[in-house]
Amino acid sequence: MWRHAGKSNGVHYICGHEDGLKRIRKAANTGRAFRYDDLGLTLILLDTIKQQAIEMREADPTAVGVHRPAA
């Protein structure tokens, strides 16, 4: 509702497993006033976020909070 009312730029919905992601996608697509493609709704699996975090850390292993020189 917040997105539809223009009070939010979007929603990120993190799912623990594929079945949950499918249920949310189906529910969003059956909304009367909108479809999830129009919502700014991002559906993502927790495992995907974990893998992205690992890849980012491997790409830049500098400890968090360490001052990095400007590019």
Protein backbone atom coordinates (compact mmCIF):
# COMPACT_ATOMS: atom_id res chain seq x y z
CA MET A 1 0.00 0.00 0.00
CA TRP A 2 2.81 2.44 0.79
CA ARG A 3 4.32 1.95 -2.65
CA HIS A 4 0.96 2.32 -4.36
CA ALA A 5 0.35 5.54 -2.39
CA GLY A 6 3.75 6.93 -3.45
CA LYS A 7 5.19 6.84 0.08
CA SER A 8 7.92 4.30 -0.70
CA ASN A 9 10.29 3.73 -3.60
CA GLY A 10 10.04 -0.02 -3.29
CA VAL A 11 10.20 -3.11 -1.15
CA HIS A 12 12.88 -5.78 -0.80
CA TYR A 13 11.41 -9.09 0.32
CA ILE A 14 13.99 -11.64 1.44
CA CYS A 15 12.89 -15.27 1.36
CA GLY A 16 14.56 -18.20 3.09
CA HIS A 17 13.62 -20.69 0.40
CA GLU A 18 12.32 -20.90 -3.16
CA ASP A 19 8.79 -21.94 -2.11
CA GLY A 20 8.38 -18.77 -0.05
CA LEU A 21 9.62 -16.66 -2.94
CA LYS A 22 7.09 -18.30 -5.28
CA ARG A 23 4.23 -17.70 -2.81
CA ILE A 24 5.09 -14.02 -2.43
CA ARG A 25 5.42 -13.58 -6.19
CA LYS A 26 2.03 -15.23 -6.74
CA ALA A 27 0.35 -13.12 -4.06
CA ALA A 28 1.85 -9.92 -5.49
CA ASN A 29 0.68 -10.81 -8.99
CA THR A 30 -2.90 -11.35 -7.85
CA GLY A 31 -3.31 -7.91 -6.26
CA ARG A 32 -6.38 -6.06 -7.50
CA ALA A 33 -4.93 -2.56 -7.75
CA PHE A 34 -1.43 -3.39 -8.99
CA ARG A 35 1.00 -6.06 -10.13
CA TYR A 36 4.34 -6.68 -8.49
CA ASP A 37 6.24 -5.60 -11.63
CA ASP A 38 4.80 -2.11 -11.07
CA LEU A 39 5.57 -2.00 -7.35
CA GLY A 40 9.31 -1.74 -7.20
CA LEU A 41 9.15 -5.09 -5.40
CA THR A 42 12.38 -7.05 -5.28
CA LEU A 43 12.17 -10.72 -4.30
CA ILE A 44 15.47 -12.36 -3.41
CA LEU A 45 16.63 -15.51 -1.68
CA LEU A 46 18.69 -15.18 1.50
CA ASP A 47 21.28 -17.58 0.04
CA THR A 48 21.75 -15.19 -2.89
CA ILE A 49 22.44 -12.30 -0.51
CA LYS A 50 24.92 -14.44 1.43
CA GLN A 51 26.75 -15.41 -1.76
CA GLN A 52 26.90 -11.78 -2.94
CA ALA A 53 28.32 -10.73 0.44
CA ILE A 54 31.01 -13.41 0.26
CA GLU A 55 31.96 -12.35 -3.26
CA MET A 56 32.16 -8.69 -2.24
CA ARG A 57 34.34 -9.54 0.78
CA GLU A 58 36.66 -11.65 -1.37
CA ALA A 59 36.94 -8.82 -3.90
CA ASP A 60 37.88 -6.33 -1.14
CA PRO A 61 39.09 -8.05 2.04
CA THR A 62 39.92 -4.72 3.75
CA ALA A 63 38.44 -4.78 7.25
CA VAL A 64 35.20 -2.87 7.79
CA GLY A 65 35.87 0.56 9.32
CA VAL A 66 39.38 0.88 7.87
CA HIS A 67 39.92 4.20 6.09
CA ARG A 68 40.33 3.58 2.40
CA PRO A 69 42.24 6.04 0.23
CA ALA A 70 40.15 8.06 -2.23
CA ALA A 71 40.24 6.81 -5.79
